[in-house]
Amino acid sequence: MSGVIEARLLTLQGAQRVLQAAIGHAHAIGQPMCIAVVDLGGNLLAFARMDGSKALSIISSNHKAVTAAMSGTPTGGAHTDVELQIAMASDCKWTNLIGGLPIRVEGYVVGAVAAGSGNGSQDLAVARAGAAAIAGADLFEDFVPMGAEDTGIIRGKTPRRPERQRQP
């Protein structure tokens, strides 16, 4: 049929499995998380804020999930030199924070899962555990983060100032 493409969708039942698997991994690593699961269009299907997670991660986990679903790529993969420009061009609806993962099965992006409240590696691990709840989902094992968060700029690592030599 001309003008129509095949699509596959993440169901509510599938989203709940993703959410529960992600929560289980967050418990296993001892890091409370905010976890968002969205459909292909970035619409929220399931969400949890675990006790002890950061309130601001409610917003960032949702933004990560929407970004991953709409771009079809994990968040945190854009080089730090362009992340601000891309965010501004998308009316701040795109984020490069690590932890958003598309749920891609047999080449079809069906939705996304994202986690926030840990460091980038923890957020990504929890998102991967969630995506793994969908049979055949791509876990993007070869993904290499390149954003400011991964380089330490956001994590608060500031270079130490050289100590001044005291004059005798």
N, C-alpha and C. Protein backbone atom coordinates (compact mmCIF):
# COMPACT_ATOMS: atom_id res chain seq x y z
N MET A 1 0.86 -1.18 0.00
CA MET A 1 0.00 0.00 0.00
C MET A 1 0.90 1.23 0.00
N SER A 2 0.69 2.09 -0.92
CA SER A 2 1.51 3.29 -1.06
C SER A 2 1.19 4.31 0.03
N GLY A 3 2.23 4.94 0.57
CA GLY A 3 2.04 5.97 1.59
C GLY A 3 1.88 5.45 3.00
N VAL A 4 2.07 4.16 3.21
CA VAL A 4 1.91 3.55 4.53
C VAL A 4 3.14 2.69 4.81
N ILE A 5 3.64 2.77 6.04
CA ILE A 5 4.75 1.91 6.43
C ILE A 5 4.32 1.03 7.59
N GLU A 6 5.01 -0.09 7.74
CA GLU A 6 4.72 -1.00 8.85
C GLU A 6 5.32 -0.42 10.12
N ALA A 7 4.62 -0.56 11.22
CA ALA A 7 5.12 -0.11 12.52
C ALA A 7 4.76 -1.15 13.57
N ARG A 8 5.51 -1.13 14.65
CA ARG A 8 5.23 -1.98 15.79
C ARG A 8 5.18 -1.09 17.02
N LEU A 9 4.34 -1.45 17.98
CA LEU A 9 4.13 -0.60 19.14
C LEU A 9 4.39 -1.35 20.44
N LEU A 10 4.94 -0.65 21.41
CA LEU A 10 5.10 -1.17 22.75
C LEU A 10 3.74 -1.08 23.45
N THR A 11 3.30 -2.17 24.04
CA THR A 11 2.02 -2.18 24.73
C THR A 11 2.19 -1.75 26.19
N LEU A 12 1.09 -1.47 26.85
CA LEU A 12 1.13 -1.16 28.28
C LEU A 12 1.71 -2.34 29.05
N GLN A 13 1.30 -3.55 28.72
CA GLN A 13 1.83 -4.74 29.39
C GLN A 13 3.35 -4.84 29.20
N GLY A 14 3.82 -4.57 27.99
CA GLY A 14 5.26 -4.58 27.73
C GLY A 14 5.97 -3.48 28.51
N ALA A 15 5.38 -2.30 28.56
CA ALA A 15 5.97 -1.19 29.30
C ALA A 15 6.06 -1.51 30.79
N GLN A 16 5.06 -2.18 31.32
CA GLN A 16 5.09 -2.55 32.73
C GLN A 16 6.18 -3.59 33.01
N ARG A 17 6.41 -4.51 32.07
CA ARG A 17 7.51 -5.47 32.22
C ARG A 17 8.86 -4.75 32.20
N VAL A 18 9.00 -3.79 31.30
CA VAL A 18 10.23 -2.99 31.22
C VAL A 18 10.45 -2.26 32.53
N LEU A 19 9.41 -1.62 33.03
CA LEU A 19 9.51 -0.87 34.28
C LEU A 19 9.91 -1.77 35.44
N GLN A 20 9.28 -2.91 35.57
CA GLN A 20 9.59 -3.81 36.69
C GLN A 20 11.02 -4.35 36.61
N ALA A 21 11.48 -4.66 35.40
CA ALA A 21 12.86 -5.15 35.24
C ALA A 21 13.86 -4.05 35.59
N ALA A 22 13.57 -2.82 35.20
CA ALA A 22 14.46 -1.70 35.52
C ALA A 22 14.48 -1.45 37.03
N ILE A 23 13.33 -1.48 37.66
CA ILE A 23 13.26 -1.31 39.12
C ILE A 23 14.06 -2.40 39.81
N GLY A 24 13.93 -3.63 39.34
CA GLY A 24 14.68 -4.74 39.92
C GLY A 24 16.18 -4.52 39.85
N HIS A 25 16.66 -4.01 38.72
CA HIS A 25 18.10 -3.76 38.59
C HIS A 25 18.54 -2.59 39.48
N ALA A 26 17.71 -1.57 39.57
CA ALA A 26 18.03 -0.43 40.44
C ALA A 26 18.15 -0.90 41.89
N HIS A 27 17.25 -1.77 42.31
CA HIS A 27 17.34 -2.35 43.66
C HIS A 27 18.64 -3.15 43.81
N ALA A 28 18.97 -3.94 42.80
CA ALA A 28 20.15 -4.80 42.85
C ALA A 28 21.45 -4.00 43.00
N ILE A 29 21.51 -2.81 42.36
CA ILE A 29 22.73 -2.00 42.46
C ILE A 29 22.65 -1.00 43.61
N GLY A 30 21.51 -0.97 44.30
CA GLY A 30 21.37 -0.09 45.46
C GLY A 30 21.25 1.39 45.12
N GLN A 31 20.69 1.70 43.94
CA GLN A 31 20.54 3.09 43.52
C GLN A 31 19.08 3.37 43.18
N PRO A 32 18.37 4.10 44.04
CA PRO A 32 16.99 4.46 43.72
C PRO A 32 16.94 5.31 42.44
N MET A 33 15.95 5.06 41.62
CA MET A 33 15.86 5.71 40.31
C MET A 33 14.45 6.21 40.02
N CYS A 34 14.40 7.18 39.13
CA CYS A 34 13.17 7.54 38.43
C CYS A 34 13.28 6.85 37.07
N ILE A 35 12.23 6.14 36.68
CA ILE A 35 12.28 5.35 35.45
C ILE A 35 11.04 5.66 34.62
N ALA A 36 11.26 6.02 33.36
CA ALA A 36 10.17 6.35 32.44
C ALA A 36 10.20 5.40 31.25
N VAL A 37 9.02 4.95 30.84
CA VAL A 37 8.88 4.13 29.65
C VAL A 37 7.86 4.82 28.75
N VAL A 38 8.26 5.06 27.49
CA VAL A 38 7.40 5.77 26.54
C VAL A 38 7.19 4.92 25.29
N ASP A 39 6.17 5.28 24.53
CA ASP A 39 5.92 4.62 23.26
C ASP A 39 6.74 5.29 22.16
N LEU A 40 6.55 4.86 20.93
CA LEU A 40 7.31 5.36 19.80
C LEU A 40 7.20 6.87 19.63
N GLY A 41 6.08 7.44 19.98
CA GLY A 41 5.86 8.88 19.85
C GLY A 41 6.30 9.67 21.06
N GLY A 42 6.91 9.01 22.04
CA GLY A 42 7.38 9.70 23.24
C GLY A 42 6.31 9.91 24.29
N ASN A 43 5.18 9.22 24.14
CA ASN A 43 4.08 9.34 25.11
C ASN A 43 4.31 8.39 26.27
N LEU A 44 4.15 8.89 27.48
CA LEU A 44 4.43 8.11 28.69
C LEU A 44 3.47 6.94 28.81
N LEU A 45 4.03 5.73 28.99
CA LEU A 45 3.25 4.53 29.22
C LEU A 45 3.34 4.06 30.67
N ALA A 46 4.54 4.18 31.26
CA ALA A 46 4.75 3.71 32.64
C ALA A 46 5.84 4.55 33.28
N PHE A 47 5.70 4.78 34.58
CA PHE A 47 6.68 5.59 35.29
C PHE A 47 6.73 5.17 36.75
N ALA A 48 7.92 5.25 37.34
CA ALA A 48 8.05 5.02 38.77
C ALA A 48 9.13 5.95 39.32
N ARG A 49 8.86 6.49 40.49
CA ARG A 49 9.89 7.21 41.25
C ARG A 49 10.13 6.40 42.51
N MET A 50 11.28 5.74 42.54
CA MET A 50 11.61 4.91 43.69
C MET A 50 11.90 5.78 44.90
N ASP A 51 11.60 5.28 46.07
CA ASP A 51 11.90 6.00 47.31
C ASP A 51 13.39 6.32 47.35
N GLY A 52 13.71 7.57 47.63
CA GLY A 52 15.10 7.99 47.72
C GLY A 52 15.69 8.52 46.43
N SER A 53 14.94 8.47 45.33
CA SER A 53 15.46 9.02 44.07
C SER A 53 15.32 10.54 44.08
N LYS A 54 16.01 11.19 43.17
CA LYS A 54 16.02 12.65 43.10
C LYS A 54 14.76 13.16 42.40
N ALA A 55 14.13 14.17 42.99
CA ALA A 55 12.89 14.71 42.42
C ALA A 55 13.10 15.28 41.02
N LEU A 56 14.24 15.93 40.77
CA LEU A 56 14.49 16.49 39.44
C LEU A 56 14.66 15.41 38.38
N SER A 57 14.96 14.19 38.81
CA SER A 57 15.10 13.10 37.86
C SER A 57 13.77 12.66 37.27
N ILE A 58 12.66 13.11 37.85
CA ILE A 58 11.35 12.88 37.24
C ILE A 58 11.35 13.52 35.87
N ILE A 59 11.82 14.75 35.80
CA ILE A 59 11.84 15.50 34.53
C ILE A 59 12.89 14.92 33.59
N SER A 60 14.12 14.73 34.10
CA SER A 60 15.20 14.30 33.20
C SER A 60 14.97 12.90 32.66
N SER A 61 14.41 11.98 33.46
CA SER A 61 14.18 10.63 32.95
C SER A 61 13.12 10.64 31.85
N ASN A 62 12.11 11.48 32.01
CA ASN A 62 11.11 11.61 30.94
C ASN A 62 11.72 12.19 29.68
N HIS A 63 12.56 13.23 29.82
CA HIS A 63 13.21 13.83 28.65
C HIS A 63 14.14 12.83 27.97
N LYS A 64 14.86 12.03 28.77
CA LYS A 64 15.75 11.02 28.19
C LYS A 64 14.94 10.00 27.38
N ALA A 65 13.83 9.54 27.94
CA ALA A 65 13.01 8.54 27.24
C ALA A 65 12.44 9.10 25.94
N VAL A 66 11.93 10.32 25.97
CA VAL A 66 11.38 10.94 24.76
C VAL A 66 12.48 11.10 23.71
N THR A 67 13.66 11.58 24.14
CA THR A 67 14.77 11.77 23.21
C THR A 67 15.16 10.44 22.56
N ALA A 68 15.27 9.38 23.36
CA ALA A 68 15.67 8.08 22.83
C ALA A 68 14.63 7.53 21.86
N ALA A 69 13.35 7.67 22.19
CA ALA A 69 12.29 7.16 21.32
C ALA A 69 12.26 7.92 20.00
N MET A 70 12.34 9.23 20.08
CA MET A 70 12.18 10.05 18.87
C MET A 70 13.43 10.05 18.00
N SER A 71 14.60 9.86 18.60
CA SER A 71 15.84 9.85 17.80
C SER A 71 16.23 8.44 17.39
N GLY A 72 15.75 7.44 18.12
CA GLY A 72 16.11 6.07 17.82
C GLY A 72 17.52 5.70 18.24
N THR A 73 18.14 6.54 19.08
CA THR A 73 19.50 6.29 19.55
C THR A 73 19.57 6.52 21.05
N PRO A 74 20.54 5.90 21.73
CA PRO A 74 20.70 6.16 23.16
C PRO A 74 21.06 7.61 23.42
N THR A 75 20.64 8.12 24.56
CA THR A 75 21.01 9.49 24.92
C THR A 75 22.44 9.50 25.45
N GLY A 76 23.11 10.63 25.25
CA GLY A 76 24.49 10.76 25.69
C GLY A 76 25.48 10.51 24.58
N GLY A 77 25.01 10.27 23.38
CA GLY A 77 25.90 9.94 22.27
C GLY A 77 26.33 11.11 21.42
N ALA A 78 25.74 12.28 21.64
CA ALA A 78 26.15 13.45 20.86
C ALA A 78 27.39 14.06 21.49
N HIS A 79 28.27 14.55 20.67
CA HIS A 79 29.48 15.17 21.19
C HIS A 79 29.12 16.43 21.95
N THR A 80 29.86 16.68 23.01
CA THR A 80 29.60 17.83 23.89
C THR A 80 29.60 19.16 23.14
N ASP A 81 30.33 19.24 22.02
CA ASP A 81 30.40 20.48 21.26
C ASP A 81 29.08 20.89 20.63
N VAL A 82 28.15 19.94 20.46
CA VAL A 82 26.89 20.25 19.79
C VAL A 82 25.66 20.07 20.66
N GLU A 83 25.82 19.54 21.88
CA GLU A 83 24.64 19.21 22.66
C GLU A 83 23.78 20.42 23.01
N LEU A 84 24.37 21.55 23.31
CA LEU A 84 23.58 22.73 23.63
C LEU A 84 22.81 23.23 22.41
N GLN A 85 23.44 23.23 21.25
CA GLN A 85 22.77 23.69 20.03
C GLN A 85 21.59 22.78 19.68
N ILE A 86 21.77 21.48 19.83
CA ILE A 86 20.67 20.55 19.52
C ILE A 86 19.52 20.74 20.50
N ALA A 87 19.84 20.90 21.77
CA ALA A 87 18.80 21.13 22.77
C ALA A 87 18.01 22.40 22.46
N MET A 88 18.72 23.46 22.10
CA MET A 88 18.03 24.72 21.79
C MET A 88 17.19 24.59 20.51
N ALA A 89 17.70 23.88 19.53
CA ALA A 89 16.97 23.72 18.27
C ALA A 89 15.70 22.90 18.46
N SER A 90 15.65 22.08 19.50
CA SER A 90 14.47 21.25 19.76
C SER A 90 13.58 21.84 20.86
N ASP A 91 13.76 23.13 21.13
CA ASP A 91 12.98 23.81 22.16
C ASP A 91 13.17 23.13 23.52
N CYS A 92 14.40 22.68 23.77
CA CYS A 92 14.81 22.03 25.03
C CYS A 92 14.05 20.75 25.32
N LYS A 93 13.59 20.07 24.28
CA LYS A 93 12.90 18.79 24.45
C LYS A 93 13.85 17.61 24.23
N TRP A 94 15.07 17.88 23.83
CA TRP A 94 16.10 16.86 23.58
C TRP A 94 17.14 16.97 24.68
N THR A 95 17.64 15.84 25.14
CA THR A 95 18.69 15.86 26.14
C THR A 95 19.80 14.90 25.76
N ASN A 96 21.00 15.22 26.18
CA ASN A 96 22.16 14.37 25.93
C ASN A 96 22.63 13.69 27.22
N LEU A 97 21.83 13.76 28.27
CA LEU A 97 22.19 13.06 29.50
C LEU A 97 22.13 11.55 29.27
N ILE A 98 23.08 10.84 29.81
CA ILE A 98 23.16 9.39 29.64
C ILE A 98 22.02 8.71 30.41
N GLY A 99 21.44 7.67 29.81
CA GLY A 99 20.45 6.88 30.52
C GLY A 99 19.14 6.66 29.79
N GLY A 100 19.01 7.17 28.56
CA GLY A 100 17.83 6.91 27.74
C GLY A 100 18.18 5.90 26.67
N LEU A 101 17.35 4.89 26.49
CA LEU A 101 17.64 3.81 25.55
C LEU A 101 16.40 3.50 24.73
N PRO A 102 16.51 3.57 23.40
CA PRO A 102 15.37 3.14 22.59
C PRO A 102 15.13 1.65 22.79
N ILE A 103 13.91 1.24 22.68
CA ILE A 103 13.60 -0.19 22.67
C ILE A 103 13.37 -0.53 21.20
N ARG A 104 14.37 -1.20 20.64
CA ARG A 104 14.35 -1.53 19.21
C ARG A 104 14.34 -3.05 19.07
N VAL A 105 13.34 -3.54 18.34
CA VAL A 105 13.17 -4.97 18.13
C VAL A 105 13.06 -5.21 16.62
N GLU A 106 13.94 -6.08 16.10
CA GLU A 106 13.95 -6.42 14.68
C GLU A 106 13.98 -5.17 13.80
N GLY A 107 14.74 -4.17 14.22
CA GLY A 107 14.90 -2.96 13.42
C GLY A 107 13.82 -1.91 13.65
N TYR A 108 12.81 -2.21 14.42
CA TYR A 108 11.72 -1.27 14.69
C TYR A 108 11.88 -0.66 16.08
N VAL A 109 11.91 0.66 16.16
CA VAL A 109 11.86 1.31 17.47
C VAL A 109 10.40 1.29 17.91
N VAL A 110 10.14 0.67 19.07
CA VAL A 110 8.77 0.53 19.55
C VAL A 110 8.49 1.43 20.75
N GLY A 111 9.55 2.03 21.31
CA GLY A 111 9.43 2.89 22.47
C GLY A 111 10.80 3.15 23.04
N ALA A 112 10.84 3.54 24.30
CA ALA A 112 12.12 3.79 24.96
C ALA A 112 11.96 3.69 26.46
N VAL A 113 13.08 3.47 27.13
CA VAL A 113 13.13 3.44 28.58
C VAL A 113 14.29 4.33 29.01
N ALA A 114 14.11 5.02 30.13
CA ALA A 114 15.17 5.87 30.65
C ALA A 114 15.15 5.86 32.16
N ALA A 115 16.33 6.03 32.72
CA ALA A 115 16.47 6.08 34.17
C ALA A 115 17.29 7.29 34.55
N GLY A 116 17.04 7.81 35.74
CA GLY A 116 17.80 8.94 36.25
C GLY A 116 17.83 8.92 37.76
N SER A 117 18.89 9.42 38.32
CA SER A 117 19.17 9.61 39.75
C SER A 117 20.52 9.03 40.13
N GLY A 118 21.09 8.19 39.29
CA GLY A 118 22.42 7.68 39.54
C GLY A 118 23.42 8.44 38.69
N ASN A 119 24.62 7.87 38.55
CA ASN A 119 25.54 8.45 37.58
C ASN A 119 25.17 7.90 36.21
N GLY A 120 25.80 8.39 35.17
CA GLY A 120 25.43 7.97 33.82
C GLY A 120 25.52 6.48 33.59
N SER A 121 26.55 5.85 34.13
CA SER A 121 26.71 4.40 33.95
C SER A 121 25.59 3.63 34.64
N GLN A 122 25.20 4.07 35.83
CA GLN A 122 24.11 3.41 36.54
C GLN A 122 22.79 3.61 35.80
N ASP A 123 22.54 4.84 35.35
CA ASP A 123 21.30 5.12 34.62
C ASP A 123 21.19 4.24 33.38
N LEU A 124 22.29 4.14 32.63
CA LEU A 124 22.30 3.32 31.41
C LEU A 124 22.10 1.85 31.74
N ALA A 125 22.73 1.35 32.79
CA ALA A 125 22.59 -0.06 33.17
C ALA A 125 21.14 -0.38 33.54
N VAL A 126 20.48 0.52 34.25
CA VAL A 126 19.08 0.30 34.63
C VAL A 126 18.19 0.33 33.39
N ALA A 127 18.44 1.26 32.48
CA ALA A 127 17.67 1.31 31.23
C ALA A 127 17.87 0.02 30.42
N ARG A 128 19.10 -0.45 30.35
CA ARG A 128 19.37 -1.70 29.61
C ARG A 128 18.63 -2.88 30.24
N ALA A 129 18.63 -2.94 31.56
CA ALA A 129 17.92 -4.03 32.24
C ALA A 129 16.43 -3.97 31.91
N GLY A 130 15.90 -2.77 31.83
CA GLY A 130 14.49 -2.63 31.45
C GLY A 130 14.24 -3.09 30.04
N ALA A 131 15.07 -2.62 29.09
CA ALA A 131 14.89 -2.99 27.69
C ALA A 131 15.01 -4.50 27.49
N ALA A 132 15.86 -5.13 28.28
CA ALA A 132 16.07 -6.58 28.16
C ALA A 132 14.81 -7.38 28.47
N ALA A 133 13.82 -6.76 29.10
CA ALA A 133 12.57 -7.45 29.40
C ALA A 133 11.73 -7.69 28.15
N ILE A 134 12.09 -7.02 27.05
CA ILE A 134 11.39 -7.23 25.79
C ILE A 134 12.24 -8.17 24.94
N ALA A 135 11.69 -9.32 24.59
CA ALA A 135 12.42 -10.34 23.84
C ALA A 135 12.99 -9.76 22.55
N GLY A 136 14.28 -9.98 22.35
CA GLY A 136 14.94 -9.55 21.12
C GLY A 136 15.32 -8.09 21.06
N ALA A 137 15.13 -7.35 22.15
CA ALA A 137 15.45 -5.92 22.12
C ALA A 137 16.96 -5.70 22.01
N ASP A 138 17.34 -4.70 21.22
CA ASP A 138 18.74 -4.31 21.06
C ASP A 138 19.16 -3.59 22.34
N LEU A 139 20.25 -4.03 22.95
CA LEU A 139 20.72 -3.40 24.19
C LEU A 139 21.83 -2.39 23.94
N PHE A 140 22.14 -2.12 22.68
CA PHE A 140 23.12 -1.11 22.30
C PHE A 140 24.42 -1.28 23.08
N GLU A 141 24.93 -2.51 23.09
CA GLU A 141 26.15 -2.83 23.84
C GLU A 141 27.36 -2.06 23.34
N ASP A 142 27.36 -1.64 22.07
CA ASP A 142 28.51 -0.93 21.52
C ASP A 142 28.41 0.59 21.67
N PHE A 143 27.41 1.07 22.38
CA PHE A 143 27.20 2.51 22.57
C PHE A 143 28.34 3.12 23.39
N VAL A 144 28.84 4.25 22.91
CA VAL A 144 29.91 4.98 23.61
C VAL A 144 29.43 6.40 23.89
N PRO A 145 29.19 6.77 25.16
CA PRO A 145 28.77 8.13 25.48
C PRO A 145 29.85 9.15 25.11
N MET A 146 29.41 10.33 24.65
CA MET A 146 30.36 11.36 24.25
C MET A 146 30.00 12.74 24.78
N GLY A 147 28.97 12.86 25.58
CA GLY A 147 28.50 14.17 26.02
C GLY A 147 29.27 14.71 27.21
N ALA A 148 28.88 15.90 27.64
CA ALA A 148 29.55 16.58 28.75
C ALA A 148 29.47 15.77 30.03
N GLU A 149 28.35 15.09 30.25
CA GLU A 149 28.21 14.30 31.47
C GLU A 149 29.29 13.23 31.54
N ASP A 150 29.56 12.57 30.41
CA ASP A 150 30.56 11.51 30.40
C ASP A 150 31.98 12.04 30.59
N THR A 151 32.23 13.26 30.17
CA THR A 151 33.58 13.82 30.30
C THR A 151 33.83 14.37 31.68
N GLY A 152 32.80 14.41 32.52
CA GLY A 152 32.99 14.88 33.89
C GLY A 152 32.60 16.33 34.10
N ILE A 153 32.22 17.02 33.06
CA ILE A 153 31.88 18.44 33.21
C ILE A 153 30.68 18.61 34.12
N ILE A 154 29.67 17.77 33.97
CA ILE A 154 28.46 17.89 34.78
C ILE A 154 28.65 17.26 36.15
N ARG A 155 29.49 16.26 36.26
CA ARG A 155 29.66 15.55 37.52
C ARG A 155 30.37 16.38 38.57
N GLY A 156 30.77 17.58 38.26
CA GLY A 156 31.36 18.45 39.26
C GLY A 156 32.86 18.31 39.41
N LYS A 157 33.49 17.60 38.51
CA LYS A 157 34.93 17.48 38.58
C LYS A 157 35.55 18.76 38.06
N THR A 158 36.09 19.53 38.93
CA THR A 158 36.76 20.75 38.51
C THR A 158 38.24 20.60 38.81
N PRO A 159 39.07 21.12 37.93
CA PRO A 159 40.50 20.98 38.17
C PRO A 159 40.91 21.74 39.42
N ARG A 160 41.84 21.16 40.14
CA ARG A 160 42.37 21.84 41.32
C ARG A 160 43.23 23.01 40.90
N ARG A 161 43.11 24.07 41.65
CA ARG A 161 43.98 25.22 41.39
C ARG A 161 45.36 24.93 41.98
N PRO A 162 46.37 25.35 41.26
CA PRO A 162 47.71 25.15 41.82
C PRO A 162 47.85 25.94 43.11
N GLU A 163 48.51 25.31 44.04
CA GLU A 163 48.73 26.00 45.32
C GLU A 163 49.74 27.12 45.12
N ARG A 164 49.46 28.21 45.78
CA ARG A 164 50.38 29.35 45.69
C ARG A 164 51.59 29.11 46.56
N GLN A 165 52.68 29.52 46.04
CA GLN A 165 53.92 29.46 46.82
C GLN A 165 53.92 30.63 47.80
N ARG A 166 54.15 30.31 49.02
CA ARG A 166 54.23 31.38 50.02
C ARG A 166 55.59 32.06 49.96
N GLN A 167 55.53 33.34 50.04
CA GLN A 167 56.79 34.12 50.04
C GLN A 167 57.38 34.11 51.43
N PRO A 168 58.70 33.89 51.56
CA PRO A 168 59.32 33.89 52.89
C PRO A 168 59.39 35.26 53.50
